[in-house]
């Protein structure tokens, strides 16, 4: 299912770029590449972009993935260590003795 979502997103991006070109320059890239707006291949591309938009619309209403939140939280333990190596453990009132 993840592959289908990525393909749909790619087609939506292609459609957005095409609409941007139409809006800014009155240039339809899909029609130019595939033989005009009425050509069968152009209509297939337009249809796939439309279906992809519907699929991506469903992504808008999915709950946020918890995977990213879990990764950022780690194991729940916070490490306040420094990059200098030897840290003094002050949690029990003991100090590292250096000779």
PDB file of N, CA and C in Angstrom:
ATOM      1  N   UNK A   1       0.820  -1.189   0.000  1.00  0.00           N
ATOM      2  CA  UNK A   1       0.000   0.000   0.000  1.00  0.00           C
ATOM      3  C   UNK A   1       0.869   1.260   0.000  1.00  0.00           C
ATOM      4  N   UNK A   2       2.041   1.185   0.644  1.00  0.00           N
ATOM      5  CA  UNK A   2       2.946   2.326   0.695  1.00  0.00           C
ATOM      6  C   UNK A   2       3.432   2.703  -0.708  1.00  0.00           C
ATOM      7  N   UNK A   3       3.670   1.729  -1.553  1.00  0.00           N
ATOM      8  CA  UNK A   3       4.119   1.997  -2.921  1.00  0.00           C
ATOM      9  C   UNK A   3       3.023   2.722  -3.700  1.00  0.00           C
ATOM     10  N   UNK A   4       1.777   2.291  -3.527  1.00  0.00           N
ATOM     11  CA  UNK A   4       0.649   2.945  -4.200  1.00  0.00           C
ATOM     12  C   UNK A   4       0.540   4.408  -3.771  1.00  0.00           C
ATOM     13  N   UNK A   5       0.746   4.679  -2.492  1.00  0.00           N
ATOM     14  CA  UNK A   5       0.679   6.051  -1.991  1.00  0.00           C
ATOM     15  C   UNK A   5       1.796   6.905  -2.587  1.00  0.00           C
ATOM     16  N   UNK A   6       2.984   6.331  -2.726  1.00  0.00           N
ATOM     17  CA  UNK A   6       4.105   7.083  -3.298  1.00  0.00           C
ATOM     18  C   UNK A   6       3.877   7.368  -4.779  1.00  0.00           C
ATOM     19  N   UNK A   7       3.345   6.398  -5.505  1.00  0.00           N
ATOM     20  CA  UNK A   7       3.028   6.605  -6.922  1.00  0.00           C
ATOM     21  C   UNK A   7       1.958   7.685  -7.060  1.00  0.00           C
ATOM     22  N   UNK A   8       0.941   7.603  -6.207  1.00  0.00           N
ATOM     23  CA  UNK A   8      -0.133   8.604  -6.242  1.00  0.00           C
ATOM     24  C   UNK A   8       0.423   9.992  -5.941  1.00  0.00           C
ATOM     25  N   UNK A   9       1.311  10.088  -4.972  1.00  0.00           N
ATOM     26  CA  UNK A   9       1.899  11.380  -4.636  1.00  0.00           C
ATOM     27  C   UNK A   9       2.727  11.922  -5.802  1.00  0.00           C
ATOM     28  N   UNK A  10       3.488  11.058  -6.461  1.00  0.00           N
ATOM     29  CA  UNK A  10       4.281  11.490  -7.615  1.00  0.00           C
ATOM     30  C   UNK A  10       3.376  12.016  -8.727  1.00  0.00           C
ATOM     31  N   UNK A  11       2.271  11.325  -8.980  1.00  0.00           N
ATOM     32  CA  UNK A  11       1.349  11.781 -10.028  1.00  0.00           C
ATOM     33  C   UNK A  11       0.659  13.092  -9.639  1.00  0.00           C
ATOM     34  N   UNK A  12       0.358  13.270  -8.369  1.00  0.00           N
ATOM     35  CA  UNK A  12      -0.235  14.530  -7.919  1.00  0.00           C
ATOM     36  C   UNK A  12       0.771  15.669  -8.102  1.00  0.00           C
ATOM     37  N   UNK A  13       2.026  15.415  -7.834  1.00  0.00           N
ATOM     38  CA  UNK A  13       3.059  16.432  -8.038  1.00  0.00           C
ATOM     39  C   UNK A  13       3.180  16.779  -9.523  1.00  0.00           C
ATOM     40  N   UNK A  14       3.146  15.758 -10.375  1.00  0.00           N
ATOM     41  CA  UNK A  14       3.174  16.005 -11.821  1.00  0.00           C
ATOM     42  C   UNK A  14       1.983  16.859 -12.233  1.00  0.00           C
ATOM     43  N   UNK A  15       0.810  16.539 -11.716  1.00  0.00           N
ATOM     44  CA  UNK A  15      -0.385  17.319 -12.017  1.00  0.00           C
ATOM     45  C   UNK A  15      -0.271  18.750 -11.521  1.00  0.00           C
ATOM     46  N   UNK A  16       0.302  18.921 -10.342  1.00  0.00           N
ATOM     47  CA  UNK A  16       0.462  20.269  -9.789  1.00  0.00           C
ATOM     48  C   UNK A  16       1.427  21.090 -10.635  1.00  0.00           C
ATOM     49  N   UNK A  17       2.511  20.467 -11.073  1.00  0.00           N
ATOM     50  CA  UNK A  17       3.455  21.173 -11.942  1.00  0.00           C
ATOM     51  C   UNK A  17       2.783  21.550 -13.255  1.00  0.00           C
ATOM     52  N   UNK A  18       2.000  20.617 -13.807  1.00  0.00           N
ATOM     53  CA  UNK A  18       1.298  20.902 -15.065  1.00  0.00           C
ATOM     54  C   UNK A  18       0.317  22.064 -14.893  1.00  0.00           C
ATOM     55  N   UNK A  19      -0.434  22.066 -13.782  1.00  0.00           N
ATOM     56  CA  UNK A  19      -1.369  23.167 -13.539  1.00  0.00           C
ATOM     57  C   UNK A  19      -0.625  24.477 -13.305  1.00  0.00           C
ATOM     58  N   UNK A  20       0.517  24.416 -12.668  1.00  0.00           N
ATOM     59  CA  UNK A  20       1.320  25.621 -12.489  1.00  0.00           C
ATOM     60  C   UNK A  20       1.786  26.189 -13.818  1.00  0.00           C
ATOM     61  N   UNK A  21       2.195  25.312 -14.725  1.00  0.00           N
ATOM     62  CA  UNK A  21       2.613  25.750 -16.056  1.00  0.00           C
ATOM     63  C   UNK A  21       1.439  26.337 -16.843  1.00  0.00           C
ATOM     64  N   UNK A  22       0.273  25.724 -16.697  1.00  0.00           N
ATOM     65  CA  UNK A  22      -0.918  26.246 -17.371  1.00  0.00           C
ATOM     66  C   UNK A  22      -1.264  27.630 -16.826  1.00  0.00           C
ATOM     67  N   UNK A  23      -1.226  27.774 -15.514  1.00  0.00           N
ATOM     68  CA  UNK A  23      -1.582  29.045 -14.898  1.00  0.00           C
ATOM     69  C   UNK A  23      -0.595  30.158 -15.200  1.00  0.00           C
ATOM     70  N   UNK A  24       0.681  29.835 -15.197  1.00  0.00           N
ATOM     71  CA  UNK A  24       1.691  30.873 -15.391  1.00  0.00           C
ATOM     72  C   UNK A  24       1.969  31.186 -16.858  1.00  0.00           C
ATOM     73  N   UNK A  25       2.026  30.131 -17.675  1.00  0.00           N
ATOM     74  CA  UNK A  25       2.504  30.312 -19.046  1.00  0.00           C
ATOM     75  C   UNK A  25       1.513  29.851 -20.115  1.00  0.00           C
ATOM     76  N   UNK A  26       0.327  29.409 -19.715  1.00  0.00           N
ATOM     77  CA  UNK A  26      -0.657  28.846 -20.639  1.00  0.00           C
ATOM     78  C   UNK A  26      -0.033  27.726 -21.481  1.00  0.00           C
ATOM     79  N   UNK A  27       0.751  26.876 -20.807  1.00  0.00           N
ATOM     80  CA  UNK A  27       1.458  25.779 -21.470  1.00  0.00           C
ATOM     81  C   UNK A  27       1.079  24.475 -20.787  1.00  0.00           C
ATOM     82  N   UNK A  28       0.427  23.579 -21.518  1.00  0.00           N
ATOM     83  CA  UNK A  28       0.010  22.275 -20.992  1.00  0.00           C
ATOM     84  C   UNK A  28       1.073  21.250 -21.368  1.00  0.00           C
ATOM     85  N   UNK A  29       1.920  20.912 -20.407  1.00  0.00           N
ATOM     86  CA  UNK A  29       3.034  19.995 -20.652  1.00  0.00           C
ATOM     87  C   UNK A  29       2.552  18.601 -21.024  1.00  0.00           C
ATOM     88  N   UNK A  30       1.529  18.114 -20.336  1.00  0.00           N
ATOM     89  CA  UNK A  30       1.005  16.773 -20.626  1.00  0.00           C
ATOM     90  C   UNK A  30       0.472  16.708 -22.055  1.00  0.00           C
ATOM     91  N   UNK A  31      -0.279  17.711 -22.449  1.00  0.00           N
ATOM     92  CA  UNK A  31      -0.825  17.741 -23.809  1.00  0.00           C
ATOM     93  C   UNK A  31       0.293  17.832 -24.838  1.00  0.00           C
ATOM     94  N   UNK A  32       1.320  18.587 -24.535  1.00  0.00           N
ATOM     95  CA  UNK A  32       2.449  18.726 -25.458  1.00  0.00           C
ATOM     96  C   UNK A  32       3.192  17.413 -25.614  1.00  0.00           C
ATOM     97  N   UNK A  33       3.410  16.721 -24.510  1.00  0.00           N
ATOM     98  CA  UNK A  33       4.170  15.462 -24.558  1.00  0.00           C
ATOM     99  C   UNK A  33       3.393  14.320 -25.203  1.00  0.00           C
ATOM    100  N   UNK A  34       2.081  14.307 -24.991  1.00  0.00           N
ATOM    101  CA  UNK A  34       1.305  13.138 -25.414  1.00  0.00           C
ATOM    102  C   UNK A  34       0.323  13.410 -26.543  1.00  0.00           C
ATOM    103  N   UNK A  35       0.470  14.500 -27.270  1.00  0.00           N
ATOM    104  CA  UNK A  35      -0.305  14.689 -28.491  1.00  0.00           C
ATOM    105  C   UNK A  35      -1.595  15.462 -28.369  1.00  0.00           C
ATOM    106  N   UNK A  36      -1.692  16.393 -27.448  1.00  0.00           N
ATOM    107  CA  UNK A  36      -2.895  17.213 -27.316  1.00  0.00           C
ATOM    108  C   UNK A  36      -3.795  16.723 -26.196  1.00  0.00           C
ATOM    109  N   UNK A  37      -4.710  17.599 -25.790  1.00  0.00           N
ATOM    110  CA  UNK A  37      -5.600  17.274 -24.679  1.00  0.00           C
ATOM    111  C   UNK A  37      -6.571  16.156 -25.014  1.00  0.00           C
ATOM    112  N   UNK A  38      -6.931  16.011 -26.261  1.00  0.00           N
ATOM    113  CA  UNK A  38      -7.913  14.996 -26.648  1.00  0.00           C
ATOM    114  C   UNK A  38      -7.271  13.651 -26.965  1.00  0.00           C
ATOM    115  N   UNK A  39      -5.949  13.575 -26.994  1.00  0.00           N
ATOM    116  CA  UNK A  39      -5.266  12.318 -27.301  1.00  0.00           C
ATOM    117  C   UNK A  39      -5.529  11.305 -26.187  1.00  0.00           C
ATOM    118  N   UNK A  40      -5.584  10.056 -26.571  1.00  0.00           N
ATOM    119  CA  UNK A  40      -5.912   8.987 -25.617  1.00  0.00           C
ATOM    120  C   UNK A  40      -4.895   8.921 -24.481  1.00  0.00           C
ATOM    121  N   UNK A  41      -3.617   9.050 -24.814  1.00  0.00           N
ATOM    122  CA  UNK A  41      -2.585   8.953 -23.777  1.00  0.00           C
ATOM    123  C   UNK A  41      -2.652  10.132 -22.805  1.00  0.00           C
ATOM    124  N   UNK A  42      -2.953  11.312 -23.316  1.00  0.00           N
ATOM    125  CA  UNK A  42      -3.124  12.477 -22.435  1.00  0.00           C
ATOM    126  C   UNK A  42      -4.301  12.273 -21.495  1.00  0.00           C
ATOM    127  N   UNK A  43      -5.381  11.739 -22.015  1.00  0.00           N
ATOM    128  CA  UNK A  43      -6.561  11.499 -21.172  1.00  0.00           C
ATOM    129  C   UNK A  43      -6.265  10.461 -20.108  1.00  0.00           C
ATOM    130  N   UNK A  44      -5.441   9.461 -20.431  1.00  0.00           N
ATOM    131  CA  UNK A  44      -5.043   8.459 -19.430  1.00  0.00           C
ATOM    132  C   UNK A  44      -4.241   9.133 -18.322  1.00  0.00           C
ATOM    133  N   UNK A  45      -3.293  10.001 -18.707  1.00  0.00           N
ATOM    134  CA  UNK A  45      -2.478  10.693 -17.703  1.00  0.00           C
ATOM    135  C   UNK A  45      -3.358  11.580 -16.831  1.00  0.00           C
ATOM    136  N   UNK A  46      -4.274  12.342 -17.454  1.00  0.00           N
ATOM    137  CA  UNK A  46      -5.179  13.195 -16.673  1.00  0.00           C
ATOM    138  C   UNK A  46      -6.025  12.362 -15.714  1.00  0.00           C
ATOM    139  N   UNK A  47      -6.494  11.209 -16.171  1.00  0.00           N
ATOM    140  CA  UNK A  47      -7.312  10.329 -15.327  1.00  0.00           C
ATOM    141  C   UNK A  47      -6.502   9.782 -14.159  1.00  0.00           C
ATOM    142  N   UNK A  48      -5.261   9.352 -14.425  1.00  0.00           N
ATOM    143  CA  UNK A  48      -4.403   8.827 -13.355  1.00  0.00           C
ATOM    144  C   UNK A  48      -4.076   9.912 -12.327  1.00  0.00           C
ATOM    145  N   UNK A  49      -3.847  11.130 -12.795  1.00  0.00           N
ATOM    146  CA  UNK A  49      -3.581  12.236 -11.869  1.00  0.00           C
ATOM    147  C   UNK A  49      -4.819  12.502 -11.004  1.00  0.00           C
ATOM    148  N   UNK A  50      -6.003  12.455 -11.611  1.00  0.00           N
ATOM    149  CA  UNK A  50      -7.240  12.658 -10.851  1.00  0.00           C
ATOM    150  C   UNK A  50      -7.462  11.583  -9.800  1.00  0.00           C
ATOM    151  N   UNK A  51      -7.243  10.328 -10.173  1.00  0.00           N
ATOM    152  CA  UNK A  51      -7.379   9.217  -9.214  1.00  0.00           C
ATOM    153  C   UNK A  51      -6.353   9.364  -8.096  1.00  0.00           C
ATOM    154  N   UNK A  52      -5.143   9.779  -8.462  1.00  0.00           N
ATOM    155  CA  UNK A  52      -4.097   9.981  -7.460  1.00  0.00           C
ATOM    156  C   UNK A  52      -4.478  11.087  -6.479  1.00  0.00           C
ATOM    157  N   UNK A  53      -5.128  12.121  -6.987  1.00  0.00           N
ATOM    158  CA  UNK A  53      -5.595  13.184  -6.096  1.00  0.00           C
ATOM    159  C   UNK A  53      -6.602  12.668  -5.085  1.00  0.00           C
ATOM    160  N   UNK A  54      -7.468  11.777  -5.515  1.00  0.00           N
ATOM    161  CA  UNK A  54      -8.456  11.191  -4.599  1.00  0.00           C
ATOM    162  C   UNK A  54      -7.749  10.328  -3.558  1.00  0.00           C
ATOM    163  N   UNK A  55      -6.746   9.565  -3.979  1.00  0.00           N
ATOM    164  CA  UNK A  55      -5.986   8.738  -3.030  1.00  0.00           C
ATOM    165  C   UNK A  55      -5.273   9.626  -2.017  1.00  0.00           C
ATOM    166  N   UNK A  56      -4.652  10.699  -2.486  1.00  0.00           N
ATOM    167  CA  UNK A  56      -3.934  11.606  -1.582  1.00  0.00           C
ATOM    168  C   UNK A  56      -4.894  12.385  -0.683  1.00  0.00           C
ATOM    169  N   UNK A  57      -6.115  12.586  -1.131  1.00  0.00           N
ATOM    170  CA  UNK A  57      -7.115  13.215  -0.280  1.00  0.00           C
ATOM    171  C   UNK A  57      -7.368  12.342   0.945  1.00  0.00           C
ATOM    172  N   UNK A  58      -7.367  11.034   0.749  1.00  0.00           N
ATOM    173  CA  UNK A  58      -7.505  10.116   1.876  1.00  0.00           C
ATOM    174  C   UNK A  58      -6.334  10.214   2.838  1.00  0.00           C
ATOM    175  N   UNK A  59      -5.139  10.499   2.327  1.00  0.00           N
ATOM    176  CA  UNK A  59      -3.969  10.646   3.190  1.00  0.00           C
ATOM    177  C   UNK A  59      -4.094  11.855   4.107  1.00  0.00           C
ATOM    178  N   UNK A  60      -4.819  12.856   3.653  1.00  0.00           N
ATOM    179  CA  UNK A  60      -5.009  14.063   4.443  1.00  0.00           C
ATOM    180  C   UNK A  60      -5.733  13.775   5.756  1.00  0.00           C
ATOM    181  N   UNK A  61      -6.591  12.779   5.755  1.00  0.00           N
ATOM    182  CA  UNK A  61      -7.394  12.478   6.931  1.00  0.00           C
ATOM    183  C   UNK A  61      -6.864  11.312   7.751  1.00  0.00           C
ATOM    184  N   UNK A  62      -5.712  10.741   7.357  1.00  0.00           N
ATOM    185  CA  UNK A  62      -5.104   9.681   8.156  1.00  0.00           C
ATOM    186  C   UNK A  62      -4.471  10.289   9.394  1.00  0.00           C
ATOM    187  N   UNK A  63      -4.490   9.549  10.509  1.00  0.00           N
ATOM    188  CA  UNK A  63      -3.809  10.064  11.697  1.00  0.00           C
ATOM    189  C   UNK A  63      -2.303  10.121  11.453  1.00  0.00           C
ATOM    190  N   UNK A  64      -1.637  11.029  12.147  1.00  0.00           N
ATOM    191  CA  UNK A  64      -0.184  11.159  12.005  1.00  0.00           C
ATOM    192  C   UNK A  64       0.482   9.867  12.439  1.00  0.00           C
ATOM    193  N   UNK A  65       1.567   9.530  11.758  1.00  0.00           N
ATOM    194  CA  UNK A  65       2.275   8.299  12.100  1.00  0.00           C
ATOM    195  C   UNK A  65       2.943   8.446  13.450  1.00  0.00           C
ATOM    196  N   UNK A  66       2.823   7.407  14.254  1.00  0.00           N
ATOM    197  CA  UNK A  66       3.459   7.426  15.558  1.00  0.00           C
ATOM    198  C   UNK A  66       4.913   7.020  15.463  1.00  0.00           C
ATOM    199  N   UNK A  67       5.310   6.489  14.317  1.00  0.00           N
ATOM    200  CA  UNK A  67       6.684   6.037  14.137  1.00  0.00           C
ATOM    201  C   UNK A  67       7.664   7.184  14.335  1.00  0.00           C
ATOM    202  N   UNK A  68       7.370   8.356  13.778  1.00  0.00           N
ATOM    203  CA  UNK A  68       8.265   9.492  13.922  1.00  0.00           C
ATOM    204  C   UNK A  68       8.351   9.957  15.368  1.00  0.00           C
ATOM    205  N   UNK A  69       7.237   9.931  16.061  1.00  0.00           N
ATOM    206  CA  UNK A  69       7.224  10.351  17.456  1.00  0.00           C
ATOM    207  C   UNK A  69       8.017   9.368  18.304  1.00  0.00           C
ATOM    208  N   UNK A  70       7.883   8.063  18.022  1.00  0.00           N
ATOM    209  CA  UNK A  70       8.614   7.056  18.779  1.00  0.00           C
ATOM    210  C   UNK A  70      10.116   7.197  18.562  1.00  0.00           C
ATOM    211  N   UNK A  71      10.524   7.499  17.333  1.00  0.00           N
ATOM    212  CA  UNK A  71      11.940   7.650  17.043  1.00  0.00           C
ATOM    213  C   UNK A  71      12.525   8.838  17.779  1.00  0.00           C
ATOM    214  N   UNK A  72      11.788   9.919  17.845  1.00  0.00           N
ATOM    215  CA  UNK A  72      12.333  11.105  18.489  1.00  0.00           C
ATOM    216  C   UNK A  72      12.389  10.928  20.003  1.00  0.00           C
ATOM    217  N   UNK A  73      11.509  10.117  20.561  1.00  0.00           N
ATOM    218  CA  UNK A  73      11.496   9.920  21.999  1.00  0.00           C
ATOM    219  C   UNK A  73      12.511   8.876  22.428  1.00  0.00           C
ATOM    220  N   UNK A  74      12.925   8.015  21.520  1.00  0.00           N
ATOM    221  CA  UNK A  74      13.889   6.990  21.851  1.00  0.00           C
ATOM    222  C   UNK A  74      13.342   6.003  22.852  1.00  0.00           C
ATOM    223  N   UNK A  75      14.174   5.628  23.808  1.00  0.00           N
ATOM    224  CA  UNK A  75      13.767   4.639  24.793  1.00  0.00           C
ATOM    225  C   UNK A  75      13.123   5.281  26.014  1.00  0.00           C
ATOM    226  N   UNK A  76      12.987   6.588  26.022  1.00  0.00           N
ATOM    227  CA  UNK A  76      12.408   7.263  27.170  1.00  0.00           C
ATOM    228  C   UNK A  76      13.456   7.777  28.136  1.00  0.00           C
ATOM    229  N   UNK A  77      14.701   7.351  27.953  1.00  0.00           N
ATOM    230  CA  UNK A  77      15.781   7.820  28.815  1.00  0.00           C
ATOM    231  C   UNK A  77      16.495   8.973  28.129  1.00  0.00           C
ATOM    232  N   UNK A  78      16.798   9.967  28.885  1.00  0.00           N
ATOM    233  CA  UNK A  78      17.483  11.129  28.339  1.00  0.00           C
ATOM    234  C   UNK A  78      18.952  11.034  28.689  1.00  0.00           C
ATOM    235  N   UNK A  79      19.807  11.260  27.713  1.00  0.00           N
ATOM    236  CA  UNK A  79      21.240  11.226  27.933  1.00  0.00           C
ATOM    237  C   UNK A  79      21.758  12.654  27.886  1.00  0.00           C
ATOM    238  N   UNK A  80      22.234  13.133  29.028  1.00  0.00           N
ATOM    239  CA  UNK A  80      22.752  14.491  29.099  1.00  0.00           C
ATOM    240  C   UNK A  80      24.277  14.502  29.026  1.00  0.00           C
ATOM    241  N   UNK A  81      24.862  13.468  28.480  1.00  0.00           N
ATOM    242  CA  UNK A  81      26.311  13.381  28.392  1.00  0.00           C
ATOM    243  C   UNK A  81      26.892  14.422  27.461  1.00  0.00           C
ATOM    244  N   UNK A  82      28.183  14.638  27.605  1.00  0.00           N
ATOM    245  CA  UNK A  82      28.880  15.587  26.735  1.00  0.00           C
ATOM    246  C   UNK A  82      29.775  14.828  25.786  1.00  0.00           C
ATOM    247  N   UNK A  83      30.349  15.547  24.850  1.00  0.00           N
ATOM    248  CA  UNK A  83      31.222  14.889  23.891  1.00  0.00           C
ATOM    249  C   UNK A  83      32.629  14.720  24.436  1.00  0.00           C
ATOM    250  N   UNK A  84      32.879  15.136  25.695  1.00  0.00           N
ATOM    251  CA  UNK A  84      34.233  15.090  26.238  1.00  0.00           C
ATOM    252  C   UNK A  84      34.581  13.738  26.852  1.00  0.00           C
ATOM    253  N   UNK A  85      33.646  12.845  26.972  1.00  0.00           N
ATOM    254  CA  UNK A  85      33.973  11.492  27.451  1.00  0.00           C
ATOM    255  C   UNK A  85      33.615  11.273  28.896  1.00  0.00           C
ATOM    256  N   UNK A  86      34.560  11.421  29.822  1.00  0.00           N
ATOM    257  CA  UNK A  86      34.362  11.107  31.232  1.00  0.00           C
ATOM    258  C   UNK A  86      33.394  12.085  31.870  1.00  0.00           C
ATOM    259  N   UNK A  87      32.238  11.569  32.269  1.00  0.00           N
ATOM    260  CA  UNK A  87      31.249  12.386  32.957  1.00  0.00           C
ATOM    261  C   UNK A  87      31.249  12.023  34.427  1.00  0.00           C
ATOM    262  N   UNK A  88      31.027  12.991  35.239  1.00  0.00           N
ATOM    263  CA  UNK A  88      30.939  12.768  36.671  1.00  0.00           C
ATOM    264  C   UNK A  88      29.530  12.342  37.014  1.00  0.00           C
ATOM    265  N   UNK A  89      29.408  11.227  37.772  1.00  0.00           N
ATOM    266  CA  UNK A  89      28.106  10.742  38.180  1.00  0.00           C
ATOM    267  C   UNK A  89      27.762  11.382  39.518  1.00  0.00           C
ATOM    268  N   UNK A  90      26.884  12.367  39.491  1.00  0.00           N
ATOM    269  CA  UNK A  90      26.488  13.079  40.700  1.00  0.00           C
ATOM    270  C   UNK A  90      25.141  12.617  41.227  1.00  0.00           C
ATOM    271  N   UNK A  91      24.579  11.562  40.652  1.00  0.00           N
ATOM    272  CA  UNK A  91      23.244  11.133  41.045  1.00  0.00           C
ATOM    273  C   UNK A  91      23.208  10.573  42.459  1.00  0.00           C
ATOM    274  N   UNK A  92      24.294   9.938  42.936  1.00  0.00           N
ATOM    275  CA  UNK A  92      24.327   9.375  44.288  1.00  0.00           C
ATOM    276  C   UNK A  92      25.210  10.194  45.224  1.00  0.00           C
ATOM    277  N   UNK A  93      25.617  11.344  44.778  1.00  0.00           N
ATOM    278  CA  UNK A  93      26.499  12.154  45.603  1.00  0.00           C
ATOM    279  C   UNK A  93      27.947  11.724  45.481  1.00  0.00           C
ATOM    280  N   UNK A  94      28.235  10.733  44.671  1.00  0.00           N
ATOM    281  CA  UNK A  94      29.610  10.260  44.484  1.00  0.00           C
ATOM    282  C   UNK A  94      30.260  11.020  43.343  1.00  0.00           C
ATOM    283  N   UNK A  95      31.522  11.265  43.493  1.00  0.00           N
ATOM    284  CA  UNK A  95      32.272  11.900  42.426  1.00  0.00           C
ATOM    285  C   UNK A  95      33.350  10.943  41.955  1.00  0.00           C
ATOM    286  N   UNK A  96      33.621  11.000  40.650  1.00  0.00           N
ATOM    287  CA  UNK A  96      34.726  10.185  40.123  1.00  0.00           C
ATOM    288  C   UNK A  96      36.025  10.747  40.677  1.00  0.00           C
ATOM    289  N   UNK A  97      36.864   9.844  41.159  1.00  0.00           N
ATOM    290  CA  UNK A  97      38.159  10.285  41.681  1.00  0.00           C
ATOM    291  C   UNK A  97      39.171  10.073  40.582  1.00  0.00           C
ATOM    292  N   UNK A  98      39.870  11.129  40.284  1.00  0.00           N
ATOM    293  CA  UNK A  98      40.911  11.059  39.264  1.00  0.00           C
ATOM    294  C   UNK A  98      42.253  11.158  39.962  1.00  0.00           C
ATOM    295  N   UNK A  99      43.163  10.239  39.634  1.00  0.00           N
ATOM    296  CA  UNK A  99      44.498  10.238  40.260  1.00  0.00           C
ATOM    297  C   UNK A  99      45.472  11.014  39.444  1.00  0.00           C
TER     298      UNK A  99
END
